[in-house]
Protein backbone atom coordinates (compact mmCIF):
# COMPACT_ATOMS: atom_id res chain seq x y z
CA ILE A 1 -12.65 44.08 35.53
CA THR A 2 -12.95 46.50 38.99
CA SER A 3 -9.94 45.77 39.55
CA GLU A 4 -8.56 46.53 36.47
CA VAL A 5 -10.56 49.58 36.24
CA HIS A 6 -8.81 50.43 39.27
CA LEU A 7 -5.39 50.05 38.38
CA PHE A 8 -5.78 52.32 34.85
CA SER A 9 -7.84 55.22 36.02
CA HIS A 10 -4.71 57.24 37.02
CA ILE A 11 -2.38 56.70 33.85
CA LYS A 12 -3.90 59.55 32.02
CA GLY A 13 -3.31 62.96 33.93
CA LYS A 14 -5.01 63.81 37.32
CA ARG A 15 -3.57 61.09 39.00
CA HIS A 16 -2.84 63.15 42.42
CA GLN A 17 -6.34 64.24 42.26
CA GLN A 18 -7.44 60.98 42.28
CA ALA A 19 -5.09 60.08 44.77
CA VAL A 20 -6.10 62.70 47.45
CA ARG A 21 -10.28 61.33 46.61
CA ASP A 22 -8.89 57.60 47.39
CA SER A 23 -7.86 58.58 50.88
CA SER A 24 -10.64 60.99 51.87
CA SER A 25 -13.27 58.14 50.95
CA ILE A 26 -11.36 56.09 53.33
CA GLN A 27 -12.20 58.69 55.99
CA GLY A 28 -15.43 58.79 54.81
CA ARG A 29 -15.99 61.80 53.26
CA GLU A 30 -15.49 63.63 49.61
CA LEU A 31 -13.42 66.72 49.09
CA SER A 32 -14.41 69.58 46.42
CA ASP A 33 -12.28 70.25 43.50
CA GLU A 34 -10.78 72.86 45.57
CA GLU A 35 -9.83 70.98 48.61
CA VAL A 36 -7.90 68.42 47.09
CA GLU A 37 -2.44 69.66 45.66
CA HIS A 38 -4.07 71.28 50.27
CA LEU A 39 -4.37 68.05 51.49
CA SER A 40 -0.94 65.97 51.51
CA GLN A 41 -1.98 62.79 50.05
CA LYS A 42 1.47 61.48 50.22
CA LYS A 43 2.04 62.57 54.06
CA TYR A 44 -1.48 60.49 54.92
CA ILE A 45 0.19 57.66 52.90
CA VAL A 46 3.64 57.65 54.57
CA ASP A 47 2.04 57.93 58.01
CA ILE A 48 0.01 55.53 57.97
CA MET A 49 3.24 52.98 56.20
CA THR A 50 5.60 54.36 58.93
CA ASP A 51 3.55 54.86 62.23
CA SER A 52 1.10 52.19 62.22
CA SER A 53 3.42 49.62 63.73
CA VAL A 54 2.56 48.42 67.42
CA PRO A 55 4.81 50.38 70.07
CA SER A 56 7.35 48.09 71.14
CA ASP A 57 8.07 46.37 74.25
CA ASN A 58 12.24 47.70 74.28
CA ALA A 59 13.33 45.36 76.95
CA LYS A 60 11.51 42.07 75.35
CA GLU A 61 12.69 43.30 72.11
CA GLY A 62 16.46 43.26 73.74
CA GLU A 63 16.36 40.15 74.98
CA GLU A 64 15.07 38.94 71.61
CA ARG A 65 18.06 40.09 69.83
CA GLN A 66 20.50 38.99 72.53
CA LYS A 67 18.90 35.14 71.90
CA ALA A 68 19.37 35.87 67.96
CA ARG A 69 22.74 36.97 68.13
CA LYS A 70 23.66 33.85 70.13
CA LYS A 71 22.27 32.10 67.36
CA ALA A 72 23.85 33.73 64.54
CA LYS A 73 27.38 32.79 66.67
CA LYS A 74 26.38 29.44 66.68
CA LEU A 75 25.48 29.14 63.14
CA ARG A 76 28.77 30.91 62.30
CA ALA A 77 31.00 28.30 63.97
CA ARG A 78 29.64 25.46 62.20
CA MET A 79 29.66 27.20 58.94
CA ASN A 80 33.45 27.61 59.87
CA SER A 81 33.81 23.90 60.49
CA ARG A 82 32.39 23.08 57.16
CA ALA A 83 34.14 25.52 55.22
CA LYS A 84 37.72 23.85 56.81
CA GLU A 85 36.83 20.47 55.34
CA TYR A 86 35.96 21.81 52.04
CA GLU A 87 39.49 23.68 51.79
CA THR A 88 41.16 20.61 52.82
CA CYS A 89 39.29 18.79 50.21
CA MET A 90 39.72 21.71 47.72
CA GLU A 91 43.73 22.27 48.05
CA ALA A 92 44.20 18.36 46.75
CA LYS A 93 42.31 18.55 43.23
CA THR A 94 42.18 22.24 42.85
CA GLN A 95 44.40 22.67 39.46
CA THR A 96 44.62 26.39 38.40
CA PRO A 97 42.76 26.46 34.72
CA ASP A 98 44.74 27.65 31.96
CA SER A 99 44.07 31.25 31.21
CA PRO A 100 45.75 33.88 29.16
CA TYR A 101 46.12 36.31 32.03
CA LYS A 102 47.24 33.39 34.40
CA ALA A 103 50.72 34.49 35.33
CA LYS A 104 49.43 38.04 35.15
CA LEU A 105 47.17 37.48 37.71
CA GLN A 106 49.75 35.37 40.02
CA ARG A 107 52.03 38.04 39.75
CA LEU A 108 49.67 40.96 40.72
CA VAL A 109 48.16 38.38 43.73
CA LYS A 110 51.74 38.37 45.25
CA ASP A 111 51.87 42.30 44.48
CA LEU A 112 49.04 42.50 46.57
CA VAL A 113 50.13 40.72 49.50
CA LYS A 114 53.42 42.28 49.49
CA GLN A 115 52.35 45.68 49.95
CA GLN A 116 50.23 44.65 52.78
CA GLN A 117 52.66 42.88 54.68
CA GLY A 118 55.03 46.12 55.17
CA GLN A 119 52.54 47.81 56.78
CA ASP A 120 52.29 48.79 60.67
CA SER A 121 48.22 49.81 62.18
CA GLY A 122 48.76 53.71 61.07
CA GLN A 123 47.26 55.00 58.23
CA TRP A 124 48.84 53.79 54.52
CA ALA A 125 51.57 56.56 52.37
CA SER A 126 50.14 58.17 49.60
CA ASN A 127 52.84 56.27 47.62
CA LYS A 128 51.81 53.05 49.06
CA VAL A 129 47.86 53.66 48.21
CA SER A 130 48.61 54.79 44.76
CA GLY A 131 50.63 51.28 44.56
CA LEU A 132 47.67 49.39 45.67
CA ASP A 133 45.41 51.48 43.56
CA ARG A 134 47.86 50.53 40.72
CA THR A 135 47.72 46.64 41.53
CA LEU A 136 43.70 46.85 41.65
CA GLY A 137 43.51 48.35 38.53
CA GLU A 138 45.67 46.17 36.48
CA ILE A 139 43.56 42.99 38.05
CA SER A 140 40.21 44.52 37.42
CA ARG A 141 40.88 45.40 33.70
CA ILE A 142 41.91 41.83 33.69
CA LEU A 143 38.45 40.79 35.13
CA GLU A 144 36.01 42.79 33.65
CA LYS A 145 36.95 40.88 30.60
CA GLN A 146 34.53 37.87 32.39
CA ASN A 147 36.55 35.22 31.16
CA ASN A 148 35.38 32.84 33.54
CA ALA A 149 39.03 30.55 33.31
CA ASP A 150 40.62 34.26 34.32
CA GLN A 151 38.03 34.90 37.30
CA VAL A 152 38.93 31.27 38.85
CA ALA A 153 42.77 31.48 38.17
CA PHE A 154 42.28 34.71 40.28
CA GLN A 155 40.41 32.94 43.02
CA VAL A 156 42.70 29.63 42.97
CA GLY A 157 45.67 31.82 43.26
CA GLY A 158 44.51 33.34 46.36
CA GLY A 159 42.56 36.73 45.11
CA LEU A 160 39.43 36.65 47.26
CA THR A 161 42.05 36.14 50.46
CA ALA A 162 44.35 39.12 49.29
CA LEU A 163 41.15 41.29 48.92
CA GLU A 164 39.73 40.19 52.61
CA GLN A 165 42.76 41.05 53.86
CA ILE A 166 42.66 44.31 52.52
CA LEU A 167 39.18 44.83 52.89
CA GLN A 168 39.65 43.87 56.83
CA VAL A 169 41.12 47.02 57.76
CA VAL A 170 37.20 48.79 57.80
CA THR A 171 36.16 46.91 61.02
CA ALA A 172 38.83 48.77 63.15
CA ALA A 173 36.44 52.31 62.30
CA SER A 174 34.32 52.45 65.75
CA SER A 175 32.64 55.67 64.21
CA PRO A 176 30.96 57.13 62.00
CA THR A 177 33.91 60.10 61.65
CA ALA A 178 36.95 57.50 61.82
CA VAL A 179 38.89 57.56 58.98
CA PRO A 180 40.16 54.14 57.96
CA ARG A 181 43.79 53.69 57.36
CA ILE A 182 43.57 52.82 53.40
CA PRO A 183 41.31 55.52 51.45
CA LEU A 184 37.71 55.10 50.90
CA LYS A 185 38.01 55.39 47.26
CA SER A 186 40.35 52.51 47.11
CA LEU A 187 38.67 50.15 49.48
CA CYS A 188 35.57 50.68 46.92
CA THR A 189 38.30 49.61 44.02
CA ALA A 190 38.91 46.32 46.34
CA VAL A 191 35.25 45.75 46.69
CA ASN A 192 34.40 46.58 43.27
CA THR A 193 37.61 43.55 42.43
CA TYR A 194 36.19 41.23 44.69
CA TYR A 195 32.67 41.71 42.48
CA LEU A 196 34.46 41.70 39.23
CA SER A 197 35.58 38.00 40.03
CA CYS A 198 32.22 37.04 40.95
CA VAL A 199 29.70 38.11 37.96
CA HIS A 200 28.58 35.20 35.44
CA CYS A 201 30.80 32.95 36.90
CA HIS A 202 29.05 30.32 38.85
CA ASN A 203 32.71 28.57 39.80
CA ASN A 204 33.80 31.15 42.31
CA CYS A 205 30.09 31.78 43.78
CA SER A 206 30.15 28.45 44.67
CA TYR A 207 33.43 28.72 46.08
CA VAL A 208 32.79 31.86 48.21
CA LEU A 209 29.71 30.13 49.74
CA TYR A 210 31.33 26.63 50.18
CA SER A 211 34.89 28.30 51.81
CA ASN A 212 32.63 30.56 53.73
CA LYS A 213 33.98 33.40 52.84
CA ILE A 214 30.45 34.66 52.38
CA THR A 215 29.86 35.20 55.86
CA PHE A 216 33.02 37.66 56.08
CA LEU A 217 31.37 39.61 53.46
CA MET A 218 28.18 39.77 55.62
CA ASP A 219 30.31 40.98 58.51
CA LEU A 220 31.81 43.56 56.87
CA LEU A 221 28.16 44.53 55.72
CA LEU A 222 26.97 44.44 58.82
CA HIS A 223 29.81 46.58 60.29
CA GLN A 224 29.21 49.56 57.91
CA LEU A 225 25.56 49.61 58.26
CA THR A 226 26.07 49.34 62.54
CA LEU A 227 28.58 52.72 62.15
CA PHE A 228 25.71 54.43 60.41
CA VAL A 229 22.03 53.13 61.09
CA PRO A 230 21.75 53.29 64.75
CA ASP A 231 19.53 51.08 67.16
CA GLU A 232 16.39 52.62 67.63
CA ASP A 233 13.05 52.26 68.58
CA LYS A 234 10.66 50.86 66.10
CA SER A 235 8.38 54.48 66.32
CA ILE A 236 11.38 56.33 65.14
CA PHE A 237 12.93 53.66 62.83
CA GLY A 238 15.01 55.38 60.12
CA ARG A 239 15.18 59.00 61.25
CA SER A 240 18.35 58.81 62.35
CA VAL A 241 20.23 57.29 59.44
CA ASN A 242 24.22 58.10 58.66
CA LYS A 243 23.64 59.29 54.72
CA GLN A 244 27.32 58.08 54.73
CA ILE A 245 26.17 55.20 54.52
CA PHE A 246 25.54 55.84 50.85
CA GLU A 247 28.16 56.65 50.05
CA GLY A 248 29.86 53.53 47.65
CA LEU A 249 31.39 50.95 50.30
CA THR A 250 27.96 49.39 51.12
CA THR A 251 27.14 49.78 47.88
CA GLY A 252 29.66 47.63 46.86
CA LEU A 253 29.45 45.01 49.78
CA LEU A 254 25.83 44.91 48.78
CA GLN A 255 26.66 44.34 44.90
CA SER A 256 28.95 41.53 45.53
CA ILE A 257 26.65 39.52 48.08
CA ALA A 258 23.47 39.93 45.58
CA THR A 259 25.94 38.79 42.38
CA VAL A 260 26.93 35.34 44.52
CA LEU A 261 23.64 35.05 45.79
CA GLY A 262 21.65 35.47 42.83
CA GLN A 263 24.01 32.86 40.99
CA LEU A 264 23.71 30.04 43.87
CA HIS A 265 21.40 27.45 42.79
CA PRO A 266 21.59 23.82 43.59
CA PRO A 267 24.23 21.81 42.26
CA ASN A 268 23.04 20.44 38.89
CA LEU A 269 22.33 16.77 38.88
CA ASP A 270 22.16 16.34 35.25
CA GLY A 271 25.91 17.25 35.52
CA ASP A 272 25.80 19.16 32.18
CA ALA A 273 27.99 22.07 33.33
CA PRO A 274 31.79 21.78 34.78
CA ARG A 275 31.42 23.41 38.47
CA ILE A 276 33.11 23.37 42.00
CA CYS A 277 31.14 21.32 43.92
CA SER A 278 30.67 19.96 47.62
CA PRO A 279 33.44 18.07 48.72
CA ASP A 280 31.43 14.74 48.47
CA ALA A 281 30.67 15.66 45.03
CA LYS A 282 30.53 12.12 44.26
CA SER A 283 27.29 11.46 45.20
CA ARG A 284 25.11 13.00 43.01
CA PRO A 285 21.81 13.60 45.71
CA VAL A 286 24.69 14.38 48.57
CA ALA A 287 25.92 17.42 46.57
CA SER A 288 22.75 18.57 46.51
CA GLU A 289 21.70 17.96 50.28
CA ASN A 290 24.60 19.65 51.11
CA PHE A 291 24.09 22.80 49.05
CA ASN A 292 20.65 23.15 51.19
CA THR A 293 22.64 22.48 54.50
CA ARG A 294 25.37 25.36 53.46
CA ALA A 295 22.57 28.21 52.02
CA GLN A 296 19.87 27.56 54.64
CA ASP A 297 22.89 28.10 57.70
CA LEU A 298 23.72 31.14 55.59
CA ILE A 299 20.03 32.59 55.31
CA SER A 300 19.41 31.92 59.41
CA TYR A 301 22.79 33.33 59.92
CA VAL A 302 21.07 36.75 58.08
CA VAL A 303 17.85 36.25 59.74
CA ASN A 304 19.73 36.41 63.14
CA MET A 305 22.67 38.60 62.87
CA GLY A 306 20.44 41.87 62.54
CA LEU A 307 21.48 42.88 58.73
CA ILE A 308 17.77 42.71 58.07
CA ASP A 309 16.81 45.40 60.78
CA LYS A 310 19.36 47.77 60.13
CA LEU A 311 18.42 47.93 56.11
CA TYR A 312 14.49 48.24 56.88
CA GLY A 313 15.93 51.58 58.88
CA CYS A 314 17.83 52.58 55.17
CA PHE A 315 14.74 51.59 53.22
CA LEU A 316 12.79 53.77 55.78
CA SER A 317 15.15 56.85 56.05
CA ILE A 318 14.27 57.80 52.38
CA GLN A 319 11.66 60.52 52.35
CA GLY A 320 11.45 61.99 48.82
CA PRO A 321 12.97 61.74 45.64
CA ILE A 322 16.50 60.55 44.50
CA ASP A 323 16.33 61.42 41.07
CA GLU A 324 19.34 63.81 41.68
CA SER A 325 20.73 61.31 44.05
CA PRO A 326 22.49 58.43 41.67
CA LYS A 327 24.57 57.06 44.85
CA MET A 328 21.47 56.52 46.61
CA ALA A 329 19.87 55.06 44.15
CA ALA A 330 23.03 53.03 43.40
CA PHE A 331 22.09 51.47 47.34
CA LEU A 332 18.60 50.87 47.24
CA GLU A 333 19.56 49.03 43.79
CA GLN A 334 21.58 46.47 45.35
CA ALA A 335 19.67 46.59 48.60
CA THR A 336 16.69 45.34 46.88
CA ALA A 337 18.80 43.03 44.53
CA PHE A 338 20.64 41.61 48.01
CA LEU A 339 16.79 40.70 49.31
CA HIS A 340 15.98 39.51 46.05
CA GLY A 341 18.79 37.13 45.98
CA MET A 342 18.06 35.70 49.56
CA CYS A 343 14.38 35.22 48.31
CA LYS A 344 16.29 33.22 45.64
CA LEU A 345 18.08 31.38 47.82
CA CYS A 346 15.34 30.98 50.43
CA PHE A 347 12.83 29.37 47.54
CA ALA A 348 16.01 26.58 46.16
CA VAL A 349 16.30 25.77 49.84
CA THR A 350 12.64 24.82 50.97
CA GLY A 351 12.20 23.26 47.90
CA ARG A 352 9.15 24.79 46.74
CA SER A 353 7.24 24.16 43.64
CA LEU A 354 7.20 26.81 40.84
CA ASN A 355 3.11 26.23 41.77
CA ILE A 356 1.97 29.70 42.75
CA PHE A 357 -0.75 28.01 44.49
CA ASP A 358 1.24 25.02 46.70
CA ASN A 359 0.64 25.63 50.21
CA LYS A 360 3.13 23.81 51.46
CA ARG A 361 5.49 26.61 52.92
CA GLN A 362 7.92 25.73 55.20
CA ASP A 363 10.75 28.09 55.92
CA PRO A 364 13.30 26.91 58.18
CA THR A 365 15.56 29.85 58.05
CA GLY A 366 13.08 32.40 59.58
CA LEU A 367 13.31 34.71 56.35
CA THR A 368 9.73 34.81 55.20
CA THR A 369 8.55 35.66 59.02
CA LEU A 370 11.39 38.29 59.41
CA LEU A 371 10.11 39.81 55.77
CA GLN A 372 6.29 39.59 56.77
CA SER A 373 7.07 41.88 60.03
CA THR A 374 9.01 44.05 58.75
CA ASP A 375 6.64 45.23 55.93
CA LEU A 376 9.20 43.48 53.19
CA VAL A 377 11.60 45.28 54.89
CA GLY A 378 10.08 49.02 53.87
CA VAL A 379 11.02 48.85 50.35
CA LEU A 380 7.10 49.54 49.53
CA HIS A 381 7.64 52.55 51.48
CA MET A 382 10.41 53.77 49.50
CA LEU A 383 9.41 53.10 46.72
CA TYR A 384 6.34 55.06 47.28
CA CYS A 385 8.59 58.13 48.12
CA ILE A 386 10.73 58.12 45.14
CA LEU A 387 7.93 57.96 43.01
CA LEU A 388 5.18 59.87 43.40
CA HIS A 389 7.04 62.76 44.63
CA SER A 390 5.24 64.24 41.28
CA ALA A 391 2.61 64.00 39.17
CA PRO A 392 3.38 63.27 35.54
CA PRO A 393 2.60 65.58 32.73
CA ASP A 394 -1.50 66.05 32.53
CA SER A 395 -0.71 66.12 28.56
CA LEU A 396 1.19 63.95 26.62
CA SER A 397 2.03 66.62 23.92
CA ALA A 398 4.56 69.13 25.58
CA GLY A 399 5.71 70.78 22.83
CA PRO A 400 8.42 70.32 20.15
CA VAL A 401 10.74 69.02 22.62
CA GLY A 402 8.80 66.10 23.21
CA PRO A 403 7.57 64.33 25.96
CA GLN A 404 9.53 64.47 29.45
CA GLU A 405 11.21 61.52 31.27
CA PRO A 406 9.23 61.84 34.65
CA TYR A 407 11.97 59.62 36.39
CA SER A 408 15.57 58.74 35.85
CA LEU A 409 17.03 55.57 34.70
CA GLY A 410 18.73 54.98 38.50
CA VAL A 411 14.64 55.34 40.42
CA ILE A 412 13.66 52.89 37.33
CA GLN A 413 16.45 50.42 38.26
CA VAL A 414 15.42 50.78 41.73
CA ALA A 415 11.82 50.22 41.05
CA LEU A 416 12.70 46.94 38.84
CA GLN A 417 14.99 45.59 41.10
CA GLY A 418 11.99 46.33 43.95
CA LEU A 419 9.43 44.53 42.06
CA ARG A 420 11.36 41.47 41.16
CA PHE A 421 11.92 40.84 45.32
CA LEU A 422 7.81 41.43 45.61
CA ASN A 423 7.51 38.66 43.05
CA THR A 424 10.24 36.55 44.57
CA PHE A 425 8.39 36.69 47.94
CA ALA A 426 5.23 36.00 46.75
CA LEU A 427 6.48 32.65 45.16
CA LEU A 428 7.97 31.70 48.74
CA ASP A 429 4.88 33.03 50.20
CA LEU A 430 1.89 33.74 48.23
CA SER A 431 -0.78 34.19 51.28
CA ALA A 432 2.15 36.38 53.52
CA PHE A 433 2.59 38.84 50.46
CA GLN A 434 -0.97 39.29 49.74
CA GLY A 435 -1.27 40.41 53.55
CA VAL A 436 1.35 42.73 53.47
CA LEU A 437 0.35 44.61 50.49
CA GLY A 438 -3.28 44.29 51.20
CA ALA A 439 -3.14 45.97 54.88
CA GLU A 440 -4.89 49.49 54.60
CA GLY A 441 -1.96 52.18 53.84
CA LEU A 442 0.27 49.68 52.08
CA SER A 443 -2.38 48.32 49.66
CA LEU A 444 -2.97 52.22 48.91
CA ALA A 445 0.39 52.66 48.45
CA PHE A 446 0.88 49.85 45.91
CA ARG A 447 -1.30 50.87 43.68
CA HIS A 448 -0.32 54.25 43.05
CA ILE A 449 3.15 52.65 42.81
CA VAL A 450 1.46 50.31 40.00
CA SER A 451 -0.82 53.21 38.50
CA SER A 452 2.23 55.47 38.12
CA LEU A 453 5.20 52.60 36.76
CA LEU A 454 2.39 52.26 34.21
CA TRP A 455 2.01 55.53 33.36
CA TYR A 456 5.72 55.67 32.83
CA CYS A 457 5.76 52.48 30.73
CA SER A 458 3.03 53.87 28.65
CA GLN A 459 5.39 56.68 27.71
CA GLN A 460 8.80 55.05 27.54
CA SER A 461 9.59 51.51 25.83
CA SER A 462 10.73 49.23 28.99
CA GLU A 463 9.49 45.74 28.23
CA GLU A 464 11.70 44.37 31.58
CA LEU A 465 9.57 46.61 33.75
CA LEU A 466 6.07 46.17 32.52
CA HIS A 467 6.40 41.95 32.71
CA GLU A 468 7.35 42.13 36.21
CA LEU A 469 4.27 44.86 36.84
CA ILE A 470 2.00 42.59 35.49
CA ILE A 471 3.27 39.71 37.21
CA CYS A 472 3.29 41.66 40.95
CA VAL A 473 -0.32 42.80 39.84
CA GLY A 474 -1.46 39.26 39.12
CA TYR A 475 0.16 38.00 42.17
CA PHE A 476 -1.37 40.55 44.02
CA THR A 477 -4.98 40.06 43.41
CA VAL A 478 -5.30 36.18 42.43
CA ASN A 479 -7.88 34.45 44.11
CA HIS A 480 -8.12 37.46 46.75
CA PRO A 481 -11.34 39.48 46.46
CA ASP A 482 -10.16 41.96 48.59
CA ASN A 483 -7.35 42.87 46.47
CA GLN A 484 -9.54 42.26 43.74
């Protein structure tokens, strides 16, 4: 009951005053009404959330980073050799499905390959760029129909490999100011085409995992993050992130990867749906085992390559509202979708039961430990900053216009995706989840986030958001007296 009273005490008006009183009682004194909008509650919580990390030993950290990179290199080599076996096996038995656009897609993929062949190492001429845009546009219009036969025909015809060759030019940029050989707009279209070939298409997502094309996307993503998110001391993490990271290409990469991860799950052993399986699909238990090995290697690779640390910097760089920044909102939504996908895949690999109280928690990938040590990659910090920048109106009667909507749709999408990530992490390791969210500062921030979103749900109908919120509050409090 106390927990519910606490959660709902902010819903009707005066939320900021109550928030400041919460913090002042933590500091051991009550404030009068006059002293309360003078104290910056938000600054207090944000400082606790970002500055509570113990100063790090830079030399030791550098050493650990080196070890992790070596491990990532080994994992990549192993994944590549398995991918070769898979490709060899698939060549023998893959048939292009009959799709209404089969012939047209094959011609368009050939056009993509041709357009690249005549290029030297300089900037693409404008007529070449518009030719590329035209071809990509035609492919996208076909794939947008989300007919699985078309999507697989595109993949089997070499479409994903052709897109990789276009996107490869990204890696030539060695500084944030470098101009790519192909304009950014065309590169964003190419990434979006990749996404369209995978969305709601389990076959292509399986292919991207087993052929190890997924690591190409991961490497491109890390390259982008490394350009715009400098390595820095943990105490100033996120302060010098270059805002160009939010311009669209990185968002597209995150979206493509999150889409693939979100649709990967162990092969269905009942065999009720046709799908591309591992090469040794004859024996079904082995197929499942093969999936686990591939997925486990992929998660370990991501953990060791330093990608999640870079995303941590991006989340910590958010210091205020993003309602007027749709590109930033899109980036944050896809970055949290990426983390959600990683947790879902890790859950499948570790073979955890859906019972939240199951204490058998072994995570050989290291993902759980990394998410815990980065305070869930700074997602809570980010949610606090985008949601708590202004109090909702005290009164619900805002004249004839009706109540004003406090958050843009983009912000709500980020919050929804953030909650999904938190809930999947709770499934992975409930005690770690409760420990991170129950820490001083984070606990206060979490309660304010929940209060603010419950207030939103009382004003606007948002079933999905409310559903995730209630589950999240449940995970936060269940069997945990302090959090209750």
